[in-house]
Amino acid sequence: MITKAINFCKENEKDIVLASVVIMVALIGFGLGRLSKIREQKTPITIENLGASTETVFLPQAQHETQFQTTNGAIVVSKNGTKYHYPWCSGAQSIKEENKIWFASEQEAREAGYTPASNCKGLK
């Protein structure tokens, strides 16, 4: 009986491989579809109360909370640069504290001659 099963597998090897590939592709497609559905359910970050005050902003990032201390506003620029950033953007984090200039809004930064950083999501 075992020899019959082995002979059957040898005779139909190509069909078995093809069926296995089709099943694997279907499972991968199903998994990717589930991942995209999870991503759609995330709520976007909204910023409210952009007044010029000292406040702590918490934003979820990767699976933990990251804290940023904003000194005087919602937008930061470097005194040596031409771009403005949100405080949590990588570009803003690389600016030394003594070189940071704070603005209460994007409009104030634009009026001062700064342009939005392209690597900071959400800036227009």
PDB file of N, CA and C in Angstrom:
ATOM      1  N   MET A   1       0.813  -1.181   0.000  1.00  0.00           N
ATOM      2  CA  MET A   1       0.000   0.000   0.000  1.00  0.00           C
ATOM      3  C   MET A   1       0.872   1.267   0.000  1.00  0.00           C
ATOM      4  N   ILE A   2       1.933   1.252   0.794  1.00  0.00           N
ATOM      5  CA  ILE A   2       2.829   2.405   0.829  1.00  0.00           C
ATOM      6  C   ILE A   2       3.530   2.572  -0.515  1.00  0.00           C
ATOM      7  N   THR A   3       3.906   1.500  -1.115  1.00  0.00           N
ATOM      8  CA  THR A   3       4.562   1.592  -2.428  1.00  0.00           C
ATOM      9  C   THR A   3       3.615   2.152  -3.474  1.00  0.00           C
ATOM     10  N   LYS A   4       2.314   1.847  -3.367  1.00  0.00           N
ATOM     11  CA  LYS A   4       1.325   2.414  -4.301  1.00  0.00           C
ATOM     12  C   LYS A   4       1.251   3.938  -4.135  1.00  0.00           C
ATOM     13  N   ALA A   5       1.273   4.404  -2.888  1.00  0.00           N
ATOM     14  CA  ALA A   5       1.223   5.844  -2.615  1.00  0.00           C
ATOM     15  C   ALA A   5       2.478   6.532  -3.146  1.00  0.00           C
ATOM     16  N   ILE A   6       3.629   5.910  -2.953  1.00  0.00           N
ATOM     17  CA  ILE A   6       4.887   6.489  -3.439  1.00  0.00           C
ATOM     18  C   ILE A   6       4.883   6.545  -4.960  1.00  0.00           C
ATOM     19  N   ASN A   7       4.430   5.483  -5.600  1.00  0.00           N
ATOM     20  CA  ASN A   7       4.354   5.463  -7.068  1.00  0.00           C
ATOM     21  C   ASN A   7       3.373   6.507  -7.583  1.00  0.00           C
ATOM     22  N   PHE A   8       2.234   6.657  -6.891  1.00  0.00           N
ATOM     23  CA  PHE A   8       1.257   7.669  -7.296  1.00  0.00           C
ATOM     24  C   PHE A   8       1.878   9.070  -7.219  1.00  0.00           C
ATOM     25  N   CYS A   9       2.621   9.352  -6.130  1.00  0.00           N
ATOM     26  CA  CYS A   9       3.268  10.663  -5.967  1.00  0.00           C
ATOM     27  C   CYS A   9       4.321  10.892  -7.046  1.00  0.00           C
ATOM     28  N   LYS A  10       5.075   9.874  -7.386  1.00  0.00           N
ATOM     29  CA  LYS A  10       6.103  10.023  -8.425  1.00  0.00           C
ATOM     30  C   LYS A  10       5.470  10.271  -9.779  1.00  0.00           C
ATOM     31  N   GLU A  11       4.368   9.575 -10.077  1.00  0.00           N
ATOM     32  CA  GLU A  11       3.707   9.736 -11.371  1.00  0.00           C
ATOM     33  C   GLU A  11       3.046  11.109 -11.508  1.00  0.00           C
ATOM     34  N   ASN A  12       2.556  11.649 -10.411  1.00  0.00           N
ATOM     35  CA  ASN A  12       1.813  12.919 -10.445  1.00  0.00           C
ATOM     36  C   ASN A  12       2.581  14.048  -9.761  1.00  0.00           C
ATOM     37  N   GLU A  13       3.881  13.984  -9.762  1.00  0.00           N
ATOM     38  CA  GLU A  13       4.716  14.963  -9.060  1.00  0.00           C
ATOM     39  C   GLU A  13       4.459  16.398  -9.540  1.00  0.00           C
ATOM     40  N   LYS A  14       4.377  16.593 -10.844  1.00  0.00           N
ATOM     41  CA  LYS A  14       4.160  17.943 -11.385  1.00  0.00           C
ATOM     42  C   LYS A  14       2.803  18.501 -10.967  1.00  0.00           C
ATOM     43  N   ASP A  15       1.779  17.675 -10.975  1.00  0.00           N
ATOM     44  CA  ASP A  15       0.452  18.128 -10.572  1.00  0.00           C
ATOM     45  C   ASP A  15       0.410  18.484  -9.081  1.00  0.00           C
ATOM     46  N   ILE A  16       1.094  17.684  -8.274  1.00  0.00           N
ATOM     47  CA  ILE A  16       1.130  17.943  -6.830  1.00  0.00           C
ATOM     48  C   ILE A  16       1.862  19.258  -6.550  1.00  0.00           C
ATOM     49  N   VAL A  17       2.965  19.506  -7.241  1.00  0.00           N
ATOM     50  CA  VAL A  17       3.718  20.752  -7.067  1.00  0.00           C
ATOM     51  C   VAL A  17       2.861  21.939  -7.493  1.00  0.00           C
ATOM     52  N   LEU A  18       2.167  21.815  -8.638  1.00  0.00           N
ATOM     53  CA  LEU A  18       1.313  22.894  -9.120  1.00  0.00           C
ATOM     54  C   LEU A  18       0.200  23.196  -8.126  1.00  0.00           C
ATOM     55  N   ALA A  19      -0.446  22.168  -7.596  1.00  0.00           N
ATOM     56  CA  ALA A  19      -1.513  22.366  -6.617  1.00  0.00           C
ATOM     57  C   ALA A  19      -0.963  23.031  -5.353  1.00  0.00           C
ATOM     58  N   SER A  20       0.219  22.643  -4.929  1.00  0.00           N
ATOM     59  CA  SER A  20       0.846  23.252  -3.747  1.00  0.00           C
ATOM     60  C   SER A  20       1.120  24.732  -3.970  1.00  0.00           C
ATOM     61  N   VAL A  21       1.621  25.085  -5.156  1.00  0.00           N
ATOM     62  CA  VAL A  21       1.910  26.489  -5.472  1.00  0.00           C
ATOM     63  C   VAL A  21       0.624  27.305  -5.485  1.00  0.00           C
ATOM     64  N   VAL A  22      -0.446  26.771  -6.075  1.00  0.00           N
ATOM     65  CA  VAL A  22      -1.726  27.485  -6.118  1.00  0.00           C
ATOM     66  C   VAL A  22      -2.249  27.722  -4.701  1.00  0.00           C
ATOM     67  N   ILE A  23      -2.158  26.735  -3.851  1.00  0.00           N
ATOM     68  CA  ILE A  23      -2.620  26.885  -2.467  1.00  0.00           C
ATOM     69  C   ILE A  23      -1.779  27.915  -1.727  1.00  0.00           C
ATOM     70  N   MET A  24      -0.472  27.896  -1.913  1.00  0.00           N
ATOM     71  CA  MET A  24       0.420  28.867  -1.244  1.00  0.00           C
ATOM     72  C   MET A  24       0.105  30.294  -1.695  1.00  0.00           C
ATOM     73  N   VAL A  25      -0.101  30.497  -2.998  1.00  0.00           N
ATOM     74  CA  VAL A  25      -0.425  31.830  -3.517  1.00  0.00           C
ATOM     75  C   VAL A  25      -1.750  32.305  -2.934  1.00  0.00           C
ATOM     76  N   ALA A  26      -2.724  31.428  -2.841  1.00  0.00           N
ATOM     77  CA  ALA A  26      -4.018  31.809  -2.272  1.00  0.00           C
ATOM     78  C   ALA A  26      -3.869  32.215  -0.807  1.00  0.00           C
ATOM     79  N   LEU A  27      -3.099  31.469  -0.041  1.00  0.00           N
ATOM     80  CA  LEU A  27      -2.896  31.802   1.375  1.00  0.00           C
ATOM     81  C   LEU A  27      -2.162  33.129   1.547  1.00  0.00           C
ATOM     82  N   ILE A  28      -1.160  33.364   0.720  1.00  0.00           N
ATOM     83  CA  ILE A  28      -0.417  34.634   0.794  1.00  0.00           C
ATOM     84  C   ILE A  28      -1.332  35.796   0.426  1.00  0.00           C
ATOM     85  N   GLY A  29      -2.125  35.647  -0.623  1.00  0.00           N
ATOM     86  CA  GLY A  29      -3.063  36.701  -1.019  1.00  0.00           C
ATOM     87  C   GLY A  29      -4.067  37.004   0.073  1.00  0.00           C
ATOM     88  N   PHE A  30      -4.579  35.967   0.714  1.00  0.00           N
ATOM     89  CA  PHE A  30      -5.518  36.162   1.810  1.00  0.00           C
ATOM     90  C   PHE A  30      -4.860  36.919   2.961  1.00  0.00           C
ATOM     91  N   GLY A  31      -3.634  36.557   3.302  1.00  0.00           N
ATOM     92  CA  GLY A  31      -2.914  37.223   4.380  1.00  0.00           C
ATOM     93  C   GLY A  31      -2.659  38.690   4.083  1.00  0.00           C
ATOM     94  N   LEU A  32      -2.282  39.006   2.854  1.00  0.00           N
ATOM     95  CA  LEU A  32      -2.047  40.404   2.475  1.00  0.00           C
ATOM     96  C   LEU A  32      -3.340  41.204   2.516  1.00  0.00           C
ATOM     97  N   GLY A  33      -4.423  40.584   2.127  1.00  0.00           N
ATOM     98  CA  GLY A  33      -5.717  41.266   2.197  1.00  0.00           C
ATOM     99  C   GLY A  33      -6.099  41.597   3.623  1.00  0.00           C
ATOM    100  N   ARG A  34      -5.824  40.701   4.543  1.00  0.00           N
ATOM    101  CA  ARG A  34      -6.107  40.953   5.952  1.00  0.00           C
ATOM    102  C   ARG A  34      -5.238  42.084   6.488  1.00  0.00           C
ATOM    103  N   LEU A  35      -3.974  42.117   6.075  1.00  0.00           N
ATOM    104  CA  LEU A  35      -3.081  43.187   6.534  1.00  0.00           C
ATOM    105  C   LEU A  35      -3.566  44.548   6.058  1.00  0.00           C
ATOM    106  N   SER A  36      -4.015  44.643   4.816  1.00  0.00           N
ATOM    107  CA  SER A  36      -4.465  45.938   4.300  1.00  0.00           C
ATOM    108  C   SER A  36      -5.734  46.391   5.024  1.00  0.00           C
ATOM    109  N   LYS A  37      -6.571  45.484   5.430  1.00  0.00           N
ATOM    110  CA  LYS A  37      -7.779  45.846   6.172  1.00  0.00           C
ATOM    111  C   LYS A  37      -7.416  46.414   7.534  1.00  0.00           C
ATOM    112  N   ILE A  38      -6.437  45.842   8.188  1.00  0.00           N
ATOM    113  CA  ILE A  38      -5.984  46.338   9.490  1.00  0.00           C
ATOM    114  C   ILE A  38      -5.446  47.754   9.342  1.00  0.00           C
ATOM    115  N   ARG A  39      -4.696  48.001   8.280  1.00  0.00           N
ATOM    116  CA  ARG A  39      -4.109  49.321   8.059  1.00  0.00           C
ATOM    117  C   ARG A  39      -5.186  50.383   7.849  1.00  0.00           C
ATOM    118  N   GLU A  40      -6.300  50.034   7.190  1.00  0.00           N
ATOM    119  CA  GLU A  40      -7.384  50.986   6.945  1.00  0.00           C
ATOM    120  C   GLU A  40      -8.054  51.429   8.239  1.00  0.00           C
ATOM    121  N   GLN A  41      -8.012  50.600   9.273  1.00  0.00           N
ATOM    122  CA  GLN A  41      -8.701  50.896  10.514  1.00  0.00           C
ATOM    123  C   GLN A  41      -7.940  51.857  11.424  1.00  0.00           C
ATOM    124  N   LYS A  42      -6.693  52.175  11.117  1.00  0.00           N
ATOM    125  CA  LYS A  42      -5.927  53.103  11.944  1.00  0.00           C
ATOM    126  C   LYS A  42      -6.492  54.507  11.775  1.00  0.00           C
ATOM    127  N   THR A  43      -6.567  55.236  12.859  1.00  0.00           N
ATOM    128  CA  THR A  43      -7.072  56.602  12.791  1.00  0.00           C
ATOM    129  C   THR A  43      -5.908  57.566  12.586  1.00  0.00           C
ATOM    130  N   PRO A  44      -6.095  58.560  11.732  1.00  0.00           N
ATOM    131  CA  PRO A  44      -5.009  59.521  11.494  1.00  0.00           C
ATOM    132  C   PRO A  44      -4.798  60.421  12.713  1.00  0.00           C
ATOM    133  N   ILE A  45      -3.614  60.945  12.827  1.00  0.00           N
ATOM    134  CA  ILE A  45      -3.265  61.858  13.915  1.00  0.00           C
ATOM    135  C   ILE A  45      -3.781  63.248  13.552  1.00  0.00           C
ATOM    136  N   THR A  46      -4.459  63.878  14.473  1.00  0.00           N
ATOM    137  CA  THR A  46      -4.909  65.253  14.270  1.00  0.00           C
ATOM    138  C   THR A  46      -4.291  66.125  15.356  1.00  0.00           C
ATOM    139  N   ILE A  47      -3.948  67.336  14.984  1.00  0.00           N
ATOM    140  CA  ILE A  47      -3.345  68.271  15.926  1.00  0.00           C
ATOM    141  C   ILE A  47      -4.367  69.366  16.187  1.00  0.00           C
ATOM    142  N   GLU A  48      -4.678  69.557  17.445  1.00  0.00           N
ATOM    143  CA  GLU A  48      -5.629  70.584  17.836  1.00  0.00           C
ATOM    144  C   GLU A  48      -4.957  71.542  18.799  1.00  0.00           C
ATOM    145  N   ASN A  49      -5.497  72.733  18.918  1.00  0.00           N
ATOM    146  CA  ASN A  49      -5.006  73.726  19.860  1.00  0.00           C
ATOM    147  C   ASN A  49      -3.547  74.064  19.565  1.00  0.00           C
ATOM    148  N   LEU A  50      -3.316  74.802  18.483  1.00  0.00           N
ATOM    149  CA  LEU A  50      -1.970  75.153  18.073  1.00  0.00           C
ATOM    150  C   LEU A  50      -1.475  76.449  18.728  1.00  0.00           C
ATOM    151  N   GLY A  51      -2.027  76.808  19.847  1.00  0.00           N
ATOM    152  CA  GLY A  51      -1.595  78.014  20.540  1.00  0.00           C
ATOM    153  C   GLY A  51      -0.139  77.932  20.958  1.00  0.00           C
ATOM    154  N   ALA A  52       0.509  79.091  21.109  1.00  0.00           N
ATOM    155  CA  ALA A  52       1.927  79.122  21.480  1.00  0.00           C
ATOM    156  C   ALA A  52       2.060  78.924  22.988  1.00  0.00           C
ATOM    157  N   SER A  53       2.223  77.683  23.384  1.00  0.00           N
ATOM    158  CA  SER A  53       2.384  77.381  24.799  1.00  0.00           C
ATOM    159  C   SER A  53       3.297  76.180  24.940  1.00  0.00           C
ATOM    160  N   THR A  54       3.772  75.963  26.155  1.00  0.00           N
ATOM    161  CA  THR A  54       4.595  74.784  26.415  1.00  0.00           C
ATOM    162  C   THR A  54       3.664  73.610  26.652  1.00  0.00           C
ATOM    163  N   GLU A  55       3.810  72.550  25.861  1.00  0.00           N
ATOM    164  CA  GLU A  55       2.960  71.384  26.014  1.00  0.00           C
ATOM    165  C   GLU A  55       3.741  70.143  25.629  1.00  0.00           C
ATOM    166  N   THR A  56       3.290  69.013  26.110  1.00  0.00           N
ATOM    167  CA  THR A  56       3.901  67.739  25.774  1.00  0.00           C
ATOM    168  C   THR A  56       2.988  67.020  24.807  1.00  0.00           C
ATOM    169  N   VAL A  57       3.541  66.500  23.724  1.00  0.00           N
ATOM    170  CA  VAL A  57       2.765  65.822  22.694  1.00  0.00           C
ATOM    171  C   VAL A  57       3.148  64.351  22.712  1.00  0.00           C
ATOM    172  N   PHE A  58       2.157  63.467  22.791  1.00  0.00           N
ATOM    173  CA  PHE A  58       2.395  62.029  22.734  1.00  0.00           C
ATOM    174  C   PHE A  58       1.846  61.504  21.421  1.00  0.00           C
ATOM    175  N   LEU A  59       2.662  60.781  20.679  1.00  0.00           N
ATOM    176  CA  LEU A  59       2.229  60.173  19.437  1.00  0.00           C
ATOM    177  C   LEU A  59       2.646  58.712  19.426  1.00  0.00           C
ATOM    178  N   PRO A  60       1.738  57.799  18.993  1.00  0.00           N
ATOM    179  CA  PRO A  60       2.140  56.402  18.906  1.00  0.00           C
ATOM    180  C   PRO A  60       3.137  56.211  17.773  1.00  0.00           C
ATOM    181  N   GLN A  61       4.163  55.440  18.004  1.00  0.00           N
ATOM    182  CA  GLN A  61       5.159  55.187  16.959  1.00  0.00           C
ATOM    183  C   GLN A  61       5.726  53.805  17.190  1.00  0.00           C
ATOM    184  N   ALA A  62       5.570  52.954  16.181  1.00  0.00           N
ATOM    185  CA  ALA A  62       5.996  51.554  16.222  1.00  0.00           C
ATOM    186  C   ALA A  62       5.207  50.810  17.315  1.00  0.00           C
ATOM    187  N   GLN A  63       5.310  50.419  18.343  1.00  0.00           N
ATOM    188  CA  GLN A  63       4.459  49.808  19.340  1.00  0.00           C
ATOM    189  C   GLN A  63       4.646  50.503  20.674  1.00  0.00           C
ATOM    190  N   HIS A  64       5.173  51.705  20.696  1.00  0.00           N
ATOM    191  CA  HIS A  64       5.396  52.386  21.957  1.00  0.00           C
ATOM    192  C   HIS A  64       5.054  53.859  21.814  1.00  0.00           C
ATOM    193  N   GLU A  65       4.974  54.550  22.923  1.00  0.00           N
ATOM    194  CA  GLU A  65       4.687  55.978  22.915  1.00  0.00           C
ATOM    195  C   GLU A  65       6.003  56.754  22.929  1.00  0.00           C
ATOM    196  N   THR A  66       6.075  57.769  22.096  1.00  0.00           N
ATOM    197  CA  THR A  66       7.245  58.632  22.070  1.00  0.00           C
ATOM    198  C   THR A  66       6.814  60.016  22.528  1.00  0.00           C
ATOM    199  N   GLN A  67       7.594  60.644  23.379  1.00  0.00           N
ATOM    200  CA  GLN A  67       7.238  61.940  23.934  1.00  0.00           C
ATOM    201  C   GLN A  67       8.123  63.022  23.339  1.00  0.00           C
ATOM    202  N   PHE A  68       7.485  64.154  22.995  1.00  0.00           N
ATOM    203  CA  PHE A  68       8.219  65.295  22.475  1.00  0.00           C
ATOM    204  C   PHE A  68       7.828  66.516  23.295  1.00  0.00           C
ATOM    205  N   GLN A  69       8.788  67.301  23.670  1.00  0.00           N
ATOM    206  CA  GLN A  69       8.517  68.528  24.401  1.00  0.00           C
ATOM    207  C   GLN A  69       8.593  69.691  23.426  1.00  0.00           C
ATOM    208  N   THR A  70       7.480  70.394  23.254  1.00  0.00           N
ATOM    209  CA  THR A  70       7.490  71.566  22.387  1.00  0.00           C
ATOM    210  C   THR A  70       7.640  72.793  23.272  1.00  0.00           C
ATOM    211  N   THR A  71       8.522  73.667  22.913  1.00  0.00           N
ATOM    212  CA  THR A  71       8.843  74.800  23.764  1.00  0.00           C
ATOM    213  C   THR A  71       7.867  75.959  23.577  1.00  0.00           C
ATOM    214  N   ASN A  72       7.719  76.449  22.362  1.00  0.00           N
ATOM    215  CA  ASN A  72       6.894  77.633  22.149  1.00  0.00           C
ATOM    216  C   ASN A  72       5.862  77.483  21.047  1.00  0.00           C
ATOM    217  N   GLY A  73       5.787  76.367  20.352  1.00  0.00           N
ATOM    218  CA  GLY A  73       4.837  76.273  19.268  1.00  0.00           C
ATOM    219  C   GLY A  73       4.755  74.903  18.650  1.00  0.00           C
ATOM    220  N   ALA A  74       4.141  74.869  17.469  1.00  0.00           N
ATOM    221  CA  ALA A  74       3.875  73.605  16.800  1.00  0.00           C
ATOM    222  C   ALA A  74       4.814  73.348  15.634  1.00  0.00           C
ATOM    223  N   ILE A  75       5.576  74.344  15.222  1.00  0.00           N
ATOM    224  CA  ILE A  75       6.478  74.227  14.069  1.00  0.00           C
ATOM    225  C   ILE A  75       7.884  74.626  14.513  1.00  0.00           C
ATOM    226  N   VAL A  76       8.871  73.859  14.062  1.00  0.00           N
ATOM    227  CA  VAL A  76      10.259  74.165  14.414  1.00  0.00           C
ATOM    228  C   VAL A  76      11.092  74.305  13.138  1.00  0.00           C
ATOM    229  N   VAL A  77      12.023  75.226  13.177  1.00  0.00           N
ATOM    230  CA  VAL A  77      12.964  75.426  12.066  1.00  0.00           C
ATOM    231  C   VAL A  77      14.369  75.550  12.655  1.00  0.00           C
ATOM    232  N   SER A  78      15.348  75.372  11.800  1.00  0.00           N
ATOM    233  CA  SER A  78      16.725  75.606  12.211  1.00  0.00           C
ATOM    234  C   SER A  78      17.107  77.020  11.807  1.00  0.00           C
ATOM    235  N   LYS A  79      17.821  77.698  12.670  1.00  0.00           N
ATOM    236  CA  LYS A  79      18.238  79.061  12.317  1.00  0.00           C
ATOM    237  C   LYS A  79      19.192  79.048  11.130  1.00  0.00           C
ATOM    238  N   ASN A  80      19.771  77.886  10.811  1.00  0.00           N
ATOM    239  CA  ASN A  80      20.681  77.769   9.668  1.00  0.00           C
ATOM    240  C   ASN A  80      20.007  77.165   8.438  1.00  0.00           C
ATOM    241  N   GLY A  81      18.734  76.794   8.545  1.00  0.00           N
ATOM    242  CA  GLY A  81      18.065  76.092   7.448  1.00  0.00           C
ATOM    243  C   GLY A  81      16.989  76.918   6.775  1.00  0.00           C
ATOM    244  N   THR A  82      16.287  76.274   5.836  1.00  0.00           N
ATOM    245  CA  THR A  82      15.211  76.941   5.094  1.00  0.00           C
ATOM    246  C   THR A  82      13.899  76.175   5.175  1.00  0.00           C
ATOM    247  N   LYS A  83      13.874  75.042   5.867  1.00  0.00           N
ATOM    248  CA  LYS A  83      12.687  74.184   5.931  1.00  0.00           C
ATOM    249  C   LYS A  83      12.084  74.191   7.328  1.00  0.00           C
ATOM    250  N   TYR A  84      10.748  74.042   7.399  1.00  0.00           N
ATOM    251  CA  TYR A  84      10.113  73.907   8.710  1.00  0.00           C
ATOM    252  C   TYR A  84       9.571  72.496   8.880  1.00  0.00           C
ATOM    253  N   HIS A  85       9.474  72.053  10.141  1.00  0.00           N
ATOM    254  CA  HIS A  85       9.126  70.673  10.494  1.00  0.00           C
ATOM    255  C   HIS A  85       8.140  70.660  11.649  1.00  0.00           C
ATOM    256  N   TYR A  86       7.410  69.534  11.770  1.00  0.00           N
ATOM    257  CA  TYR A  86       6.714  69.245  13.023  1.00  0.00           C
ATOM    258  C   TYR A  86       7.771  68.768  14.005  1.00  0.00           C
ATOM    259  N   PRO A  87       7.556  68.947  15.303  1.00  0.00           N
ATOM    260  CA  PRO A  87       8.577  68.570  16.288  1.00  0.00           C
ATOM    261  C   PRO A  87       8.952  67.086  16.267  1.00  0.00           C
ATOM    262  N   TRP A  88       8.053  66.208  15.831  1.00  0.00           N
ATOM    263  CA  TRP A  88       8.323  64.771  15.848  1.00  0.00           C
ATOM    264  C   TRP A  88       8.962  64.259  14.567  1.00  0.00           C
ATOM    265  N   CYS A  89       9.145  65.101  13.553  1.00  0.00           N
ATOM    266  CA  CYS A  89       9.779  64.668  12.300  1.00  0.00           C
ATOM    267  C   CYS A  89      11.277  64.441  12.518  1.00  0.00           C
ATOM    268  N   SER A  90      11.830  63.548  11.722  1.00  0.00           N
ATOM    269  CA  SER A  90      13.253  63.227  11.869  1.00  0.00           C
ATOM    270  C   SER A  90      14.132  64.452  11.629  1.00  0.00           C
ATOM    271  N   GLY A  91      13.729  65.307  10.700  1.00  0.00           N
ATOM    272  CA  GLY A  91      14.508  66.516  10.431  1.00  0.00           C
ATOM    273  C   GLY A  91      14.555  67.443  11.634  1.00  0.00           C
ATOM    274  N   ALA A  92      13.441  67.563  12.350  1.00  0.00           N
ATOM    275  CA  ALA A  92      13.393  68.427  13.533  1.00  0.00           C
ATOM    276  C   ALA A  92      14.218  67.842  14.673  1.00  0.00           C
ATOM    277  N   GLN A  93      14.223  66.525  14.769  1.00  0.00           N
ATOM    278  CA  GLN A  93      14.960  65.886  15.849  1.00  0.00           C
ATOM    279  C   GLN A  93      16.470  66.009  15.672  1.00  0.00           C
ATOM    280  N   SER A  94      16.909  66.253  14.441  1.00  0.00           N
ATOM    281  CA  SER A  94      18.345  66.384  14.204  1.00  0.00           C
ATOM    282  C   SER A  94      18.848  67.819  14.408  1.00  0.00           C
ATOM    283  N   ILE A  95      17.938  68.754  14.673  1.00  0.00           N
ATOM    284  CA  ILE A  95      18.339  70.150  14.915  1.00  0.00           C
ATOM    285  C   ILE A  95      18.780  70.292  16.372  1.00  0.00           C
ATOM    286  N   LYS A  96      19.934  70.885  16.595  1.00  0.00           N
ATOM    287  CA  LYS A  96      20.409  71.122  17.960  1.00  0.00           C
ATOM    288  C   LYS A  96      19.473  72.106  18.651  1.00  0.00           C
ATOM    289  N   GLU A  97      19.295  71.928  19.951  1.00  0.00           N
ATOM    290  CA  GLU A  97      18.381  72.783  20.716  1.00  0.00           C
ATOM    291  C   GLU A  97      18.714  74.270  20.566  1.00  0.00           C
ATOM    292  N   GLU A  98      19.994  74.598  20.562  1.00  0.00           N
ATOM    293  CA  GLU A  98      20.367  76.019  20.479  1.00  0.00           C
ATOM    294  C   GLU A  98      20.094  76.621  19.100  1.00  0.00           C
ATOM    295  N   ASN A  99      19.852  75.769  18.088  1.00  0.00           N
ATOM    296  CA  ASN A  99      19.569  76.258  16.729  1.00  0.00           C
ATOM    297  C   ASN A  99      18.082  76.255  16.392  1.00  0.00           C
ATOM    298  N   LYS A 100      17.233  75.803  17.323  1.00  0.00           N
ATOM    299  CA  LYS A 100      15.801  75.706  17.043  1.00  0.00           C
ATOM    300  C   LYS A 100      15.114  77.056  17.185  1.00  0.00           C
ATOM    301  N   ILE A 101      14.232  77.329  16.221  1.00  0.00           N
ATOM    302  CA  ILE A 101      13.351  78.495  16.269  1.00  0.00           C
ATOM    303  C   ILE A 101      11.936  77.947  16.172  1.00  0.00           C
ATOM    304  N   TRP A 102      11.039  78.396  17.056  1.00  0.00           N
ATOM    305  CA  TRP A 102       9.677  77.864  17.122  1.00  0.00           C
ATOM    306  C   TRP A 102       8.669  78.845  16.559  1.00  0.00           C
ATOM    307  N   PHE A 103       7.675  78.304  15.855  1.00  0.00           N
ATOM    308  CA  PHE A 103       6.554  79.088  15.338  1.00  0.00           C
ATOM    309  C   PHE A 103       5.259  78.428  15.805  1.00  0.00           C
ATOM    310  N   ALA A 104       4.226  79.237  15.995  1.00  0.00           N
ATOM    311  CA  ALA A 104       2.935  78.716  16.444  1.00  0.00           C
ATOM    312  C   ALA A 104       2.175  78.024  15.326  1.00  0.00           C
ATOM    313  N   SER A 105       2.459  78.374  14.072  1.00  0.00           N
ATOM    314  CA  SER A 105       1.711  77.776  12.962  1.00  0.00           C
ATOM    315  C   SER A 105       2.590  77.691  11.715  1.00  0.00           C
ATOM    316  N   GLU A 106       2.109  76.911  10.751  1.00  0.00           N
ATOM    317  CA  GLU A 106       2.805  76.804   9.469  1.00  0.00           C
ATOM    318  C   GLU A 106       2.815  78.155   8.759  1.00  0.00           C
ATOM    319  N   GLN A 107       1.719  78.883   8.877  1.00  0.00           N
ATOM    320  CA  GLN A 107       1.623  80.182   8.201  1.00  0.00           C
ATOM    321  C   GLN A 107       2.698  81.146   8.711  1.00  0.00           C
ATOM    322  N   GLU A 108       2.940  81.156  10.007  1.00  0.00           N
ATOM    323  CA  GLU A 108       3.987  82.026  10.556  1.00  0.00           C
ATOM    324  C   GLU A 108       5.351  81.644   9.992  1.00  0.00           C
ATOM    325  N   ALA A 109       5.604  80.344   9.887  1.00  0.00           N
ATOM    326  CA  ALA A 109       6.888  79.889   9.343  1.00  0.00           C
ATOM    327  C   ALA A 109       7.024  80.289   7.878  1.00  0.00           C
ATOM    328  N   ARG A 110       5.932  80.154   7.117  1.00  0.00           N
ATOM    329  CA  ARG A 110       5.958  80.556   5.697  1.00  0.00           C
ATOM    330  C   ARG A 110       6.220  82.058   5.557  1.00  0.00           C
ATOM    331  N   GLU A 111       5.533  82.835   6.391  1.00  0.00           N
ATOM    332  CA  GLU A 111       5.699  84.290   6.333  1.00  0.00           C
ATOM    333  C   GLU A 111       7.124  84.708   6.679  1.00  0.00           C
ATOM    334  N   ALA A 112       7.807  83.885   7.462  1.00  0.00           N
ATOM    335  CA  ALA A 112       9.197  84.172   7.824  1.00  0.00           C
ATOM    336  C   ALA A 112      10.165  83.693   6.734  1.00  0.00           C
ATOM    337  N   GLY A 113       9.633  83.087   5.653  1.00  0.00           N
ATOM    338  CA  GLY A 113      10.478  82.678   4.538  1.00  0.00           C
ATOM    339  C   GLY A 113      10.865  81.210   4.508  1.00  0.00           C
ATOM    340  N   TYR A 114      10.304  80.395   5.390  1.00  0.00           N
ATOM    341  CA  TYR A 114      10.619  78.973   5.428  1.00  0.00           C
ATOM    342  C   TYR A 114       9.633  78.187   4.562  1.00  0.00           C
ATOM    343  N   THR A 115      10.065  77.048   4.062  1.00  0.00           N
ATOM    344  CA  THR A 115       9.219  76.168   3.244  1.00  0.00           C
ATOM    345  C   THR A 115       9.079  74.822   3.941  1.00  0.00           C
ATOM    346  N   PRO A 116       8.009  74.053   3.617  1.00  0.00           N
ATOM    347  CA  PRO A 116       7.801  72.768   4.311  1.00  0.00           C
ATOM    348  C   PRO A 116       8.883  71.743   3.963  1.00  0.00           C
ATOM    349  N   ALA A 117       9.262  70.943   4.930  1.00  0.00           N
ATOM    350  CA  ALA A 117      10.230  69.874   4.709  1.00  0.00           C
ATOM    351  C   ALA A 117       9.530  68.739   3.967  1.00  0.00           C
ATOM    352  N   SER A 118      10.144  68.203   2.951  1.00  0.00           N
ATOM    353  CA  SER A 118       9.516  67.154   2.160  1.00  0.00           C
ATOM    354  C   SER A 118       9.491  65.809   2.875  1.00  0.00           C
ATOM    355  N   ASN A 119      10.348  65.608   3.861  1.00  0.00           N
ATOM    356  CA  ASN A 119      10.387  64.326   4.564  1.00  0.00           C
ATOM    357  C   ASN A 119       9.496  64.308   5.796  1.00  0.00           C
ATOM    358  N   CYS A 120       8.722  65.350   6.020  1.00  0.00           N
ATOM    359  CA  CYS A 120       7.847  65.450   7.183  1.00  0.00           C
ATOM    360  C   CYS A 120       6.402  65.285   6.712  1.00  0.00           C
ATOM    361  N   LYS A 121       5.819  64.112   6.977  1.00  0.00           N
ATOM    362  CA  LYS A 121       4.473  63.805   6.488  1.00  0.00           C
ATOM    363  C   LYS A 121       3.450  64.756   7.083  1.00  0.00           C
ATOM    364  N   GLY A 122       2.552  65.223   6.253  1.00  0.00           N
ATOM    365  CA  GLY A 122       1.480  66.094   6.709  1.00  0.00           C
ATOM    366  C   GLY A 122       1.721  67.566   6.414  1.00  0.00           C
ATOM    367  N   LEU A 123       2.934  67.944   6.080  1.00  0.00           N
ATOM    368  CA  LEU A 123       3.213  69.341   5.741  1.00  0.00           C
ATOM    369  C   LEU A 123       2.912  69.572   4.269  1.00  0.00           C
ATOM    370  N   LYS A 124       2.355  70.721   3.971  1.00  0.00           N
ATOM    371  CA  LYS A 124       2.011  71.040   2.564  1.00  0.00           C
ATOM    372  C   LYS A 124       2.805  72.220   2.082  1.00  0.00           C
TER     373      LYS A 124
END
